[in-house]
Amino acid sequence: MSSGAERPGPPTRAATPLISPMRVVAAVCVVAPFVAMLWIPSYNTENPRLLGFPFFYWYQLLWVVITAALMIVAVFAVKFDRTARRGADRSGGTGGTGGSTGASGGTAGTPSGEESR
């Protein structure tokens, strides 16, 4: 029977922080519409009117457009962060495993966790 010391451990990750500035940007973009819509006293009024619509209605409709833009920013921030982390993992000396422990999106048998094309 072999001892546990002979088995290789999980790959070590590079010293990338769990919370990065891009993840904070994405979180703010996701949370801002919720806060804006749940803070009802901030828009519970009729004036100013826009094209005859009370402020209460056009403010909420404006947030639909703002939310769409913020979600696009959040998606790109997360994609940028993932790309930066993959680059850090590959150059961080993890032994060519890409810092992955299973769900890398690649296929088994591809070197360095690269995705098949």
PDB file of N, CA and C in Angstrom:
ATOM      1  N   MET A   1       0.847  -1.178   0.000  1.00  0.00           N
ATOM      2  CA  MET A   1       0.000   0.000   0.000  1.00  0.00           C
ATOM      3  C   MET A   1       0.891   1.240   0.000  1.00  0.00           C
ATOM      4  N   SER A   2       0.582   2.194  -0.847  1.00  0.00           N
ATOM      5  CA  SER A   2       1.414   3.380  -0.949  1.00  0.00           C
ATOM      6  C   SER A   2       0.954   4.449   0.034  1.00  0.00           C
ATOM      7  N   SER A   3       1.883   5.273   0.420  1.00  0.00           N
ATOM      8  CA  SER A   3       1.543   6.362   1.342  1.00  0.00           C
ATOM      9  C   SER A   3       0.984   7.542   0.557  1.00  0.00           C
ATOM     10  N   GLY A   4       0.290   8.436   1.245  1.00  0.00           N
ATOM     11  CA  GLY A   4      -0.322   9.599   0.608  1.00  0.00           C
ATOM     12  C   GLY A   4       0.693  10.599   0.105  1.00  0.00           C
ATOM     13  N   ALA A   5       1.935  10.504   0.574  1.00  0.00           N
ATOM     14  CA  ALA A   5       2.961  11.459   0.174  1.00  0.00           C
ATOM     15  C   ALA A   5       3.385  11.254  -1.273  1.00  0.00           C
ATOM     16  N   GLU A   6       3.148  10.054  -1.831  1.00  0.00           N
ATOM     17  CA  GLU A   6       3.573   9.774  -3.193  1.00  0.00           C
ATOM     18  C   GLU A   6       2.607  10.312  -4.235  1.00  0.00           C
ATOM     19  N   ARG A   7       1.364  10.530  -3.852  1.00  0.00           N
ATOM     20  CA  ARG A   7       0.370  11.026  -4.803  1.00  0.00           C
ATOM     21  C   ARG A   7       0.549  12.525  -5.024  1.00  0.00           C
ATOM     22  N   PRO A   8       0.440  12.953  -6.272  1.00  0.00           N
ATOM     23  CA  PRO A   8       0.547  14.404  -6.508  1.00  0.00           C
ATOM     24  C   PRO A   8      -0.699  15.112  -5.991  1.00  0.00           C
ATOM     25  N   GLY A   9      -0.496  16.265  -5.445  1.00  0.00           N
ATOM     26  CA  GLY A   9      -1.603  17.063  -4.929  1.00  0.00           C
ATOM     27  C   GLY A   9      -2.263  17.844  -6.042  1.00  0.00           C
ATOM     28  N   PRO A  10      -3.295  18.589  -5.700  1.00  0.00           N
ATOM     29  CA  PRO A  10      -3.939  19.423  -6.713  1.00  0.00           C
ATOM     30  C   PRO A  10      -2.979  20.503  -7.181  1.00  0.00           C
ATOM     31  N   PRO A  11      -3.148  20.950  -8.409  1.00  0.00           N
ATOM     32  CA  PRO A  11      -2.248  21.986  -8.922  1.00  0.00           C
ATOM     33  C   PRO A  11      -2.376  23.256  -8.093  1.00  0.00           C
ATOM     34  N   THR A  12      -1.253  23.893  -7.873  1.00  0.00           N
ATOM     35  CA  THR A  12      -1.260  25.135  -7.103  1.00  0.00           C
ATOM     36  C   THR A  12      -1.614  26.285  -8.016  1.00  0.00           C
ATOM     37  N   ARG A  13      -2.402  27.205  -7.513  1.00  0.00           N
ATOM     38  CA  ARG A  13      -2.806  28.376  -8.296  1.00  0.00           C
ATOM     39  C   ARG A  13      -1.810  29.500  -8.088  1.00  0.00           C
ATOM     40  N   ALA A  14      -1.705  30.316  -9.098  1.00  0.00           N
ATOM     41  CA  ALA A  14      -0.887  31.513  -8.961  1.00  0.00           C
ATOM     42  C   ALA A  14      -1.554  32.432  -7.940  1.00  0.00           C
ATOM     43  N   ALA A  15      -0.831  33.372  -7.451  1.00  0.00           N
ATOM     44  CA  ALA A  15      -1.345  34.261  -6.412  1.00  0.00           C
ATOM     45  C   ALA A  15      -2.267  35.327  -7.007  1.00  0.00           C
ATOM     46  N   THR A  16      -3.380  34.893  -7.609  1.00  0.00           N
ATOM     47  CA  THR A  16      -4.355  35.844  -8.123  1.00  0.00           C
ATOM     48  C   THR A  16      -5.439  36.011  -7.079  1.00  0.00           C
ATOM     49  N   PRO A  17      -5.770  37.225  -6.728  1.00  0.00           N
ATOM     50  CA  PRO A  17      -6.794  37.433  -5.703  1.00  0.00           C
ATOM     51  C   PRO A  17      -8.171  36.997  -6.203  1.00  0.00           C
ATOM     52  N   LEU A  18      -8.996  36.546  -5.282  1.00  0.00           N
ATOM     53  CA  LEU A  18     -10.341  36.103  -5.644  1.00  0.00           C
ATOM     54  C   LEU A  18     -11.186  37.285  -6.123  1.00  0.00           C
ATOM     55  N   ILE A  19     -11.037  38.421  -5.453  1.00  0.00           N
ATOM     56  CA  ILE A  19     -11.795  39.614  -5.833  1.00  0.00           C
ATOM     57  C   ILE A  19     -10.861  40.548  -6.589  1.00  0.00           C
ATOM     58  N   SER A  20     -11.118  40.681  -7.872  1.00  0.00           N
ATOM     59  CA  SER A  20     -10.299  41.562  -8.711  1.00  0.00           C
ATOM     60  C   SER A  20     -11.090  42.831  -9.009  1.00  0.00           C
ATOM     61  N   PRO A  21     -10.416  43.883  -9.451  1.00  0.00           N
ATOM     62  CA  PRO A  21     -11.135  45.120  -9.788  1.00  0.00           C
ATOM     63  C   PRO A  21     -12.204  44.920 -10.869  1.00  0.00           C
ATOM     64  N   MET A  22     -11.957  44.041 -11.824  1.00  0.00           N
ATOM     65  CA  MET A  22     -12.952  43.821 -12.871  1.00  0.00           C
ATOM     66  C   MET A  22     -14.185  43.099 -12.327  1.00  0.00           C
ATOM     67  N   ARG A  23     -13.991  42.228 -11.354  1.00  0.00           N
ATOM     68  CA  ARG A  23     -15.147  41.574 -10.734  1.00  0.00           C
ATOM     69  C   ARG A  23     -15.950  42.573  -9.907  1.00  0.00           C
ATOM     70  N   VAL A  24     -15.286  43.525  -9.304  1.00  0.00           N
ATOM     71  CA  VAL A  24     -15.996  44.571  -8.559  1.00  0.00           C
ATOM     72  C   VAL A  24     -16.822  45.417  -9.524  1.00  0.00           C
ATOM     73  N   VAL A  25     -16.249  45.747 -10.672  1.00  0.00           N
ATOM     74  CA  VAL A  25     -16.983  46.510 -11.690  1.00  0.00           C
ATOM     75  C   VAL A  25     -18.224  45.732 -12.127  1.00  0.00           C
ATOM     76  N   ALA A  26     -18.064  44.438 -12.376  1.00  0.00           N
ATOM     77  CA  ALA A  26     -19.197  43.610 -12.798  1.00  0.00           C
ATOM     78  C   ALA A  26     -20.262  43.555 -11.701  1.00  0.00           C
ATOM     79  N   ALA A  27     -19.847  43.418 -10.459  1.00  0.00           N
ATOM     80  CA  ALA A  27     -20.804  43.351  -9.352  1.00  0.00           C
ATOM     81  C   ALA A  27     -21.576  44.658  -9.206  1.00  0.00           C
ATOM     82  N   VAL A  28     -20.894  45.775  -9.341  1.00  0.00           N
ATOM     83  CA  VAL A  28     -21.571  47.072  -9.247  1.00  0.00           C
ATOM     84  C   VAL A  28     -22.567  47.235 -10.392  1.00  0.00           C
ATOM     85  N   CYS A  29     -22.181  46.792 -11.589  1.00  0.00           N
ATOM     86  CA  CYS A  29     -23.085  46.883 -12.745  1.00  0.00           C
ATOM     87  C   CYS A  29     -24.335  46.028 -12.567  1.00  0.00           C
ATOM     88  N   VAL A  30     -24.207  44.912 -11.880  1.00  0.00           N
ATOM     89  CA  VAL A  30     -25.354  44.039 -11.663  1.00  0.00           C
ATOM     90  C   VAL A  30     -26.227  44.544 -10.526  1.00  0.00           C
ATOM     91  N   VAL A  31     -25.617  45.072  -9.472  1.00  0.00           N
ATOM     92  CA  VAL A  31     -26.365  45.478  -8.274  1.00  0.00           C
ATOM     93  C   VAL A  31     -27.029  46.853  -8.444  1.00  0.00           C
ATOM     94  N   ALA A  32     -26.435  47.744  -9.206  1.00  0.00           N
ATOM     95  CA  ALA A  32     -26.953  49.112  -9.337  1.00  0.00           C
ATOM     96  C   ALA A  32     -28.419  49.175  -9.779  1.00  0.00           C
ATOM     97  N   PRO A  33     -28.859  48.426 -10.788  1.00  0.00           N
ATOM     98  CA  PRO A  33     -30.275  48.496 -11.172  1.00  0.00           C
ATOM     99  C   PRO A  33     -31.221  48.029 -10.066  1.00  0.00           C
ATOM    100  N   PHE A  34     -30.810  47.023  -9.308  1.00  0.00           N
ATOM    101  CA  PHE A  34     -31.649  46.557  -8.207  1.00  0.00           C
ATOM    102  C   PHE A  34     -31.822  47.637  -7.157  1.00  0.00           C
ATOM    103  N   VAL A  35     -30.725  48.284  -6.805  1.00  0.00           N
ATOM    104  CA  VAL A  35     -30.793  49.347  -5.803  1.00  0.00           C
ATOM    105  C   VAL A  35     -31.648  50.500  -6.320  1.00  0.00           C
ATOM    106  N   ALA A  36     -31.449  50.864  -7.570  1.00  0.00           N
ATOM    107  CA  ALA A  36     -32.203  51.984  -8.141  1.00  0.00           C
ATOM    108  C   ALA A  36     -33.704  51.706  -8.165  1.00  0.00           C
ATOM    109  N   MET A  37     -34.087  50.479  -8.474  1.00  0.00           N
ATOM    110  CA  MET A  37     -35.510  50.147  -8.561  1.00  0.00           C
ATOM    111  C   MET A  37     -36.133  49.852  -7.201  1.00  0.00           C
ATOM    112  N   LEU A  38     -35.356  49.367  -6.260  1.00  0.00           N
ATOM    113  CA  LEU A  38     -35.897  49.077  -4.928  1.00  0.00           C
ATOM    114  C   LEU A  38     -35.968  50.312  -4.032  1.00  0.00           C
ATOM    115  N   TRP A  39     -35.265  51.370  -4.409  1.00  0.00           N
ATOM    116  CA  TRP A  39     -35.307  52.617  -3.637  1.00  0.00           C
ATOM    117  C   TRP A  39     -36.442  53.475  -4.218  1.00  0.00           C
ATOM    118  N   ILE A  40     -37.658  53.063  -3.949  1.00  0.00           N
ATOM    119  CA  ILE A  40     -38.866  53.652  -4.537  1.00  0.00           C
ATOM    120  C   ILE A  40     -39.045  55.129  -4.198  1.00  0.00           C
ATOM    121  N   PRO A  41     -38.778  55.581  -2.975  1.00  0.00           N
ATOM    122  CA  PRO A  41     -38.964  57.015  -2.700  1.00  0.00           C
ATOM    123  C   PRO A  41     -38.160  57.949  -3.604  1.00  0.00           C
ATOM    124  N   SER A  42     -37.100  57.438  -4.227  1.00  0.00           N
ATOM    125  CA  SER A  42     -36.292  58.294  -5.107  1.00  0.00           C
ATOM    126  C   SER A  42     -37.020  58.655  -6.396  1.00  0.00           C
ATOM    127  N   TYR A  43     -38.029  57.873  -6.798  1.00  0.00           N
ATOM    128  CA  TYR A  43     -38.727  58.168  -8.057  1.00  0.00           C
ATOM    129  C   TYR A  43     -40.247  58.139  -7.919  1.00  0.00           C
ATOM    130  N   ASN A  44     -40.754  58.165  -6.720  1.00  0.00           N
ATOM    131  CA  ASN A  44     -42.194  58.124  -6.485  1.00  0.00           C
ATOM    132  C   ASN A  44     -42.782  59.538  -6.549  1.00  0.00           C
ATOM    133  N   THR A  45     -42.806  60.095  -7.742  1.00  0.00           N
ATOM    134  CA  THR A  45     -43.327  61.446  -7.953  1.00  0.00           C
ATOM    135  C   THR A  45     -43.845  61.569  -9.385  1.00  0.00           C
ATOM    136  N   GLU A  46     -44.644  62.567  -9.623  1.00  0.00           N
ATOM    137  CA  GLU A  46     -45.171  62.786 -10.981  1.00  0.00           C
ATOM    138  C   GLU A  46     -44.316  63.760 -11.777  1.00  0.00           C
ATOM    139  N   ASN A  47     -43.675  64.678 -11.133  1.00  0.00           N
ATOM    140  CA  ASN A  47     -42.890  65.694 -11.836  1.00  0.00           C
ATOM    141  C   ASN A  47     -41.420  65.371 -11.717  1.00  0.00           C
ATOM    142  N   PRO A  48     -40.632  65.651 -12.689  1.00  0.00           N
ATOM    143  CA  PRO A  48     -40.896  66.286 -13.972  1.00  0.00           C
ATOM    144  C   PRO A  48     -41.507  65.295 -14.972  1.00  0.00           C
ATOM    145  N   ARG A  49     -42.308  65.823 -15.845  1.00  0.00           N
ATOM    146  CA  ARG A  49     -42.944  65.016 -16.882  1.00  0.00           C
ATOM    147  C   ARG A  49     -42.085  65.057 -18.148  1.00  0.00           C
ATOM    148  N   LEU A  50     -42.132  63.957 -18.882  1.00  0.00           N
ATOM    149  CA  LEU A  50     -41.406  63.859 -20.142  1.00  0.00           C
ATOM    150  C   LEU A  50     -42.384  63.379 -21.195  1.00  0.00           C
ATOM    151  N   LEU A  51     -42.701  64.246 -22.156  1.00  0.00           N
ATOM    152  CA  LEU A  51     -43.668  63.956 -23.215  1.00  0.00           C
ATOM    153  C   LEU A  51     -45.025  63.533 -22.641  1.00  0.00           C
ATOM    154  N   GLY A  52     -45.385  64.125 -21.535  1.00  0.00           N
ATOM    155  CA  GLY A  52     -46.661  63.842 -20.910  1.00  0.00           C
ATOM    156  C   GLY A  52     -46.654  62.682 -19.925  1.00  0.00           C
ATOM    157  N   PHE A  53     -45.544  61.922 -19.860  1.00  0.00           N
ATOM    158  CA  PHE A  53     -45.449  60.790 -18.942  1.00  0.00           C
ATOM    159  C   PHE A  53     -44.928  61.251 -17.585  1.00  0.00           C
ATOM    160  N   PRO A  54     -45.543  60.801 -16.502  1.00  0.00           N
ATOM    161  CA  PRO A  54     -45.024  61.144 -15.175  1.00  0.00           C
ATOM    162  C   PRO A  54     -43.626  60.561 -14.965  1.00  0.00           C
ATOM    163  N   PHE A  55     -42.868  61.198 -14.102  1.00  0.00           N
ATOM    164  CA  PHE A  55     -41.499  60.781 -13.801  1.00  0.00           C
ATOM    165  C   PHE A  55     -41.444  59.311 -13.391  1.00  0.00           C
ATOM    166  N   PHE A  56     -42.428  58.872 -12.606  1.00  0.00           N
ATOM    167  CA  PHE A  56     -42.475  57.493 -12.116  1.00  0.00           C
ATOM    168  C   PHE A  56     -42.338  56.501 -13.263  1.00  0.00           C
ATOM    169  N   TYR A  57     -42.983  56.735 -14.405  1.00  0.00           N
ATOM    170  CA  TYR A  57     -42.967  55.791 -15.524  1.00  0.00           C
ATOM    171  C   TYR A  57     -41.714  55.917 -16.386  1.00  0.00           C
ATOM    172  N   TRP A  58     -41.351  57.151 -16.749  1.00  0.00           N
ATOM    173  CA  TRP A  58     -40.217  57.263 -17.656  1.00  0.00           C
ATOM    174  C   TRP A  58     -38.898  56.968 -16.963  1.00  0.00           C
ATOM    175  N   TYR A  59     -38.822  57.156 -15.658  1.00  0.00           N
ATOM    176  CA  TYR A  59     -37.621  56.804 -14.904  1.00  0.00           C
ATOM    177  C   TYR A  59     -37.402  55.284 -14.942  1.00  0.00           C
ATOM    178  N   GLN A  60     -38.473  54.530 -14.736  1.00  0.00           N
ATOM    179  CA  GLN A  60     -38.356  53.069 -14.781  1.00  0.00           C
ATOM    180  C   GLN A  60     -38.005  52.582 -16.184  1.00  0.00           C
ATOM    181  N   LEU A  61     -38.606  53.186 -17.192  1.00  0.00           N
ATOM    182  CA  LEU A  61     -38.290  52.815 -18.570  1.00  0.00           C
ATOM    183  C   LEU A  61     -36.842  53.172 -18.916  1.00  0.00           C
ATOM    184  N   LEU A  62     -36.370  54.283 -18.415  1.00  0.00           N
ATOM    185  CA  LEU A  62     -34.971  54.664 -18.622  1.00  0.00           C
ATOM    186  C   LEU A  62     -34.027  53.622 -18.010  1.00  0.00           C
ATOM    187  N   TRP A  63     -34.402  53.082 -16.862  1.00  0.00           N
ATOM    188  CA  TRP A  63     -33.568  52.069 -16.218  1.00  0.00           C
ATOM    189  C   TRP A  63     -33.538  50.755 -16.993  1.00  0.00           C
ATOM    190  N   VAL A  64     -34.509  50.489 -17.816  1.00  0.00           N
ATOM    191  CA  VAL A  64     -34.450  49.296 -18.677  1.00  0.00           C
ATOM    192  C   VAL A  64     -33.266  49.432 -19.633  1.00  0.00           C
ATOM    193  N   VAL A  65     -33.113  50.595 -20.226  1.00  0.00           N
ATOM    194  CA  VAL A  65     -32.005  50.843 -21.156  1.00  0.00           C
ATOM    195  C   VAL A  65     -30.673  50.865 -20.402  1.00  0.00           C
ATOM    196  N   ILE A  66     -30.652  51.537 -19.246  1.00  0.00           N
ATOM    197  CA  ILE A  66     -29.426  51.614 -18.447  1.00  0.00           C
ATOM    198  C   ILE A  66     -28.996  50.216 -18.001  1.00  0.00           C
ATOM    199  N   THR A  67     -29.964  49.393 -17.588  1.00  0.00           N
ATOM    200  CA  THR A  67     -29.652  48.041 -17.137  1.00  0.00           C
ATOM    201  C   THR A  67     -29.058  47.206 -18.270  1.00  0.00           C
ATOM    202  N   ALA A  68     -29.598  47.341 -19.458  1.00  0.00           N
ATOM    203  CA  ALA A  68     -29.043  46.607 -20.602  1.00  0.00           C
ATOM    204  C   ALA A  68     -27.584  47.003 -20.839  1.00  0.00           C
ATOM    205  N   ALA A  69     -27.302  48.285 -20.784  1.00  0.00           N
ATOM    206  CA  ALA A  69     -25.924  48.751 -20.974  1.00  0.00           C
ATOM    207  C   ALA A  69     -25.012  48.250 -19.852  1.00  0.00           C
ATOM    208  N   LEU A  70     -25.503  48.287 -18.617  1.00  0.00           N
ATOM    209  CA  LEU A  70     -24.694  47.820 -17.491  1.00  0.00           C
ATOM    210  C   LEU A  70     -24.427  46.317 -17.566  1.00  0.00           C
ATOM    211  N   MET A  71     -25.387  45.545 -18.051  1.00  0.00           N
ATOM    212  CA  MET A  71     -25.178  44.101 -18.186  1.00  0.00           C
ATOM    213  C   MET A  71     -24.131  43.800 -19.258  1.00  0.00           C
ATOM    214  N   ILE A  72     -24.117  44.587 -20.313  1.00  0.00           N
ATOM    215  CA  ILE A  72     -23.095  44.422 -21.350  1.00  0.00           C
ATOM    216  C   ILE A  72     -21.718  44.719 -20.765  1.00  0.00           C
ATOM    217  N   VAL A  73     -21.610  45.788 -19.993  1.00  0.00           N
ATOM    218  CA  VAL A  73     -20.343  46.115 -19.340  1.00  0.00           C
ATOM    219  C   VAL A  73     -19.930  44.992 -18.391  1.00  0.00           C
ATOM    220  N   ALA A  74     -20.873  44.443 -17.637  1.00  0.00           N
ATOM    221  CA  ALA A  74     -20.565  43.366 -16.688  1.00  0.00           C
ATOM    222  C   ALA A  74     -20.058  42.121 -17.416  1.00  0.00           C
ATOM    223  N   VAL A  75     -20.683  41.768 -18.522  1.00  0.00           N
ATOM    224  CA  VAL A  75     -20.251  40.595 -19.285  1.00  0.00           C
ATOM    225  C   VAL A  75     -18.829  40.784 -19.789  1.00  0.00           C
ATOM    226  N   PHE A  76     -18.529  41.941 -20.352  1.00  0.00           N
ATOM    227  CA  PHE A  76     -17.180  42.181 -20.854  1.00  0.00           C
ATOM    228  C   PHE A  76     -16.161  42.242 -19.716  1.00  0.00           C
ATOM    229  N   ALA A  77     -16.545  42.762 -18.562  1.00  0.00           N
ATOM    230  CA  ALA A  77     -15.638  42.804 -17.409  1.00  0.00           C
ATOM    231  C   ALA A  77     -15.297  41.394 -16.942  1.00  0.00           C
ATOM    232  N   VAL A  78     -16.295  40.514 -16.892  1.00  0.00           N
ATOM    233  CA  VAL A  78     -16.053  39.135 -16.466  1.00  0.00           C
ATOM    234  C   VAL A  78     -15.205  38.402 -17.507  1.00  0.00           C
ATOM    235  N   LYS A  79     -15.481  38.613 -18.785  1.00  0.00           N
ATOM    236  CA  LYS A  79     -14.671  37.982 -19.830  1.00  0.00           C
ATOM    237  C   LYS A  79     -13.221  38.453 -19.764  1.00  0.00           C
ATOM    238  N   PHE A  80     -13.028  39.741 -19.555  1.00  0.00           N
ATOM    239  CA  PHE A  80     -11.679  40.292 -19.439  1.00  0.00           C
ATOM    240  C   PHE A  80     -10.969  39.686 -18.231  1.00  0.00           C
ATOM    241  N   ASP A  81     -11.689  39.566 -17.113  1.00  0.00           N
ATOM    242  CA  ASP A  81     -11.102  39.002 -15.899  1.00  0.00           C
ATOM    243  C   ASP A  81     -10.740  37.536 -16.103  1.00  0.00           C
ATOM    244  N   ARG A  82     -11.604  36.770 -16.754  1.00  0.00           N
ATOM    245  CA  ARG A  82     -11.302  35.358 -17.025  1.00  0.00           C
ATOM    246  C   ARG A  82     -10.065  35.215 -17.894  1.00  0.00           C
ATOM    247  N   THR A  83      -9.975  36.050 -18.926  1.00  0.00           N
ATOM    248  CA  THR A  83      -8.819  35.998 -19.809  1.00  0.00           C
ATOM    249  C   THR A  83      -7.549  36.329 -19.039  1.00  0.00           C
ATOM    250  N   ALA A  84      -7.609  37.342 -18.195  1.00  0.00           N
ATOM    251  CA  ALA A  84      -6.440  37.725 -17.403  1.00  0.00           C
ATOM    252  C   ALA A  84      -6.052  36.619 -16.431  1.00  0.00           C
ATOM    253  N   ARG A  85      -7.039  35.956 -15.836  1.00  0.00           N
ATOM    254  CA  ARG A  85      -6.743  34.873 -14.896  1.00  0.00           C
ATOM    255  C   ARG A  85      -6.148  33.670 -15.611  1.00  0.00           C
ATOM    256  N   ARG A  86      -6.668  33.337 -16.788  1.00  0.00           N
ATOM    257  CA  ARG A  86      -6.092  32.216 -17.536  1.00  0.00           C
ATOM    258  C   ARG A  86      -4.647  32.500 -17.906  1.00  0.00           C
ATOM    259  N   GLY A  87      -4.382  33.733 -18.315  1.00  0.00           N
ATOM    260  CA  GLY A  87      -3.008  34.105 -18.641  1.00  0.00           C
ATOM    261  C   GLY A  87      -2.113  34.045 -17.425  1.00  0.00           C
ATOM    262  N   ALA A  88      -2.609  34.456 -16.275  1.00  0.00           N
ATOM    263  CA  ALA A  88      -1.827  34.414 -15.040  1.00  0.00           C
ATOM    264  C   ALA A  88      -1.595  32.980 -14.605  1.00  0.00           C
ATOM    265  N   ASP A  89      -2.602  32.114 -14.788  1.00  0.00           N
ATOM    266  CA  ASP A  89      -2.458  30.719 -14.408  1.00  0.00           C
ATOM    267  C   ASP A  89      -1.422  30.025 -15.289  1.00  0.00           C
ATOM    268  N   ARG A  90      -1.439  30.320 -16.575  1.00  0.00           N
ATOM    269  CA  ARG A  90      -0.503  29.655 -17.486  1.00  0.00           C
ATOM    270  C   ARG A  90       0.921  30.139 -17.275  1.00  0.00           C
ATOM    271  N   SER A  91       1.098  31.401 -16.970  1.00  0.00           N
ATOM    272  CA  SER A  91       2.448  31.921 -16.770  1.00  0.00           C
ATOM    273  C   SER A  91       2.883  31.800 -15.317  1.00  0.00           C
ATOM    274  N   GLY A  92       1.996  31.367 -14.442  1.00  0.00           N
ATOM    275  CA  GLY A  92       2.308  31.284 -13.019  1.00  0.00           C
ATOM    276  C   GLY A  92       3.022  30.018 -12.611  1.00  0.00           C
ATOM    277  N   GLY A  93       3.356  29.153 -13.544  1.00  0.00           N
ATOM    278  CA  GLY A  93       4.098  27.954 -13.198  1.00  0.00           C
ATOM    279  C   GLY A  93       3.231  26.880 -12.570  1.00  0.00           C
ATOM    280  N   THR A  94       2.079  26.635 -13.117  1.00  0.00           N
ATOM    281  CA  THR A  94       1.197  25.613 -12.551  1.00  0.00           C
ATOM    282  C   THR A  94       1.436  24.254 -13.177  1.00  0.00           C
ATOM    283  N   GLY A  95       2.495  24.104 -13.921  1.00  0.00           N
ATOM    284  CA  GLY A  95       2.800  22.804 -14.506  1.00  0.00           C
ATOM    285  C   GLY A  95       2.024  22.527 -15.778  1.00  0.00           C
ATOM    286  N   GLY A  96       1.501  23.536 -16.434  1.00  0.00           N
ATOM    287  CA  GLY A  96       0.814  23.354 -17.693  1.00  0.00           C
ATOM    288  C   GLY A  96      -0.615  22.884 -17.546  1.00  0.00           C
ATOM    289  N   THR A  97      -1.180  22.923 -16.346  1.00  0.00           N
ATOM    290  CA  THR A  97      -2.551  22.465 -16.174  1.00  0.00           C
ATOM    291  C   THR A  97      -3.545  23.593 -16.312  1.00  0.00           C
ATOM    292  N   GLY A  98      -3.088  24.813 -16.369  1.00  0.00           N
ATOM    293  CA  GLY A  98      -3.994  25.940 -16.514  1.00  0.00           C
ATOM    294  C   GLY A  98      -4.714  26.276 -15.233  1.00  0.00           C
ATOM    295  N   GLY A  99      -4.308  25.683 -14.115  1.00  0.00           N
ATOM    296  CA  GLY A  99      -4.942  25.975 -12.838  1.00  0.00           C
ATOM    297  C   GLY A  99      -6.327  25.387 -12.724  1.00  0.00           C
ATOM    298  N   SER A 100      -6.656  24.468 -13.598  1.00  0.00           N
ATOM    299  CA  SER A 100      -7.998  23.920 -13.648  1.00  0.00           C
ATOM    300  C   SER A 100      -8.094  22.683 -12.783  1.00  0.00           C
ATOM    301  N   THR A 101      -9.252  22.503 -12.144  1.00  0.00           N
ATOM    302  CA  THR A 101      -9.462  21.296 -11.359  1.00  0.00           C
ATOM    303  C   THR A 101     -10.620  20.489 -11.904  1.00  0.00           C
ATOM    304  N   GLY A 102     -11.046  20.755 -13.118  1.00  0.00           N
ATOM    305  CA  GLY A 102     -12.114  19.943 -13.677  1.00  0.00           C
ATOM    306  C   GLY A 102     -12.900  20.642 -14.752  1.00  0.00           C
ATOM    307  N   ALA A 103     -13.675  21.647 -14.429  1.00  0.00           N
ATOM    308  CA  ALA A 103     -14.591  22.272 -15.381  1.00  0.00           C
ATOM    309  C   ALA A 103     -13.905  23.402 -16.111  1.00  0.00           C
ATOM    310  N   SER A 104     -12.977  23.065 -17.002  1.00  0.00           N
ATOM    311  CA  SER A 104     -12.229  24.104 -17.701  1.00  0.00           C
ATOM    312  C   SER A 104     -12.864  24.499 -19.008  1.00  0.00           C
ATOM    313  N   GLY A 105     -13.844  23.739 -19.459  1.00  0.00           N
ATOM    314  CA  GLY A 105     -14.447  24.049 -20.728  1.00  0.00           C
ATOM    315  C   GLY A 105     -13.735  23.373 -21.883  1.00  0.00           C
ATOM    316  N   GLY A 106     -12.527  22.841 -21.634  1.00  0.00           N
ATOM    317  CA  GLY A 106     -11.795  22.138 -22.664  1.00  0.00           C
ATOM    318  C   GLY A 106     -12.202  20.672 -22.676  1.00  0.00           C
ATOM    319  N   THR A 107     -11.484  19.894 -23.478  1.00  0.00           N
ATOM    320  CA  THR A 107     -11.788  18.474 -23.535  1.00  0.00           C
ATOM    321  C   THR A 107     -10.631  17.703 -22.936  1.00  0.00           C
ATOM    322  N   ALA A 108     -10.930  16.507 -22.456  1.00  0.00           N
ATOM    323  CA  ALA A 108      -9.882  15.665 -21.913  1.00  0.00           C
ATOM    324  C   ALA A 108      -8.943  15.279 -23.043  1.00  0.00           C
ATOM    325  N   GLY A 109      -7.673  15.307 -22.755  1.00  0.00           N
ATOM    326  CA  GLY A 109      -6.702  14.934 -23.773  1.00  0.00           C
ATOM    327  C   GLY A 109      -6.099  16.125 -24.481  1.00  0.00           C
ATOM    328  N   THR A 110      -6.612  17.317 -24.267  1.00  0.00           N
ATOM    329  CA  THR A 110      -5.988  18.478 -24.881  1.00  0.00           C
ATOM    330  C   THR A 110      -4.947  19.018 -23.925  1.00  0.00           C
ATOM    331  N   PRO A 111      -3.761  19.339 -24.396  1.00  0.00           N
ATOM    332  CA  PRO A 111      -2.699  19.794 -23.500  1.00  0.00           C
ATOM    333  C   PRO A 111      -3.001  21.173 -22.927  1.00  0.00           C
ATOM    334  N   SER A 112      -2.590  21.390 -21.723  1.00  0.00           N
ATOM    335  CA  SER A 112      -2.656  22.685 -21.033  1.00  0.00           C
ATOM    336  C   SER A 112      -4.067  23.219 -20.893  1.00  0.00           C
ATOM    337  N   GLY A 113      -5.082  22.378 -20.941  1.00  0.00           N
ATOM    338  CA  GLY A 113      -6.453  22.828 -20.752  1.00  0.00           C
ATOM    339  C   GLY A 113      -6.982  23.668 -21.902  1.00  0.00           C
ATOM    340  N   GLU A 114      -6.314  23.580 -23.074  1.00  0.00           N
ATOM    341  CA  GLU A 114      -6.763  24.377 -24.204  1.00  0.00           C
ATOM    342  C   GLU A 114      -8.062  23.803 -24.756  1.00  0.00           C
ATOM    343  N   GLU A 115      -8.915  24.666 -25.234  1.00  0.00           N
ATOM    344  CA  GLU A 115     -10.174  24.234 -25.816  1.00  0.00           C
ATOM    345  C   GLU A 115      -9.926  23.674 -27.218  1.00  0.00           C
ATOM    346  N   SER A 116     -10.704  22.662 -27.570  1.00  0.00           N
ATOM    347  CA  SER A 116     -10.587  22.127 -28.927  1.00  0.00           C
ATOM    348  C   SER A 116     -11.373  23.010 -29.879  1.00  0.00           C
ATOM    349  N   ARG A 117     -10.919  23.106 -31.099  1.00  0.00           N
ATOM    350  CA  ARG A 117     -11.587  23.976 -32.073  1.00  0.00           C
ATOM    351  C   ARG A 117     -12.174  23.152 -33.163  1.00  0.00           C
TER     352      ARG A 117
END
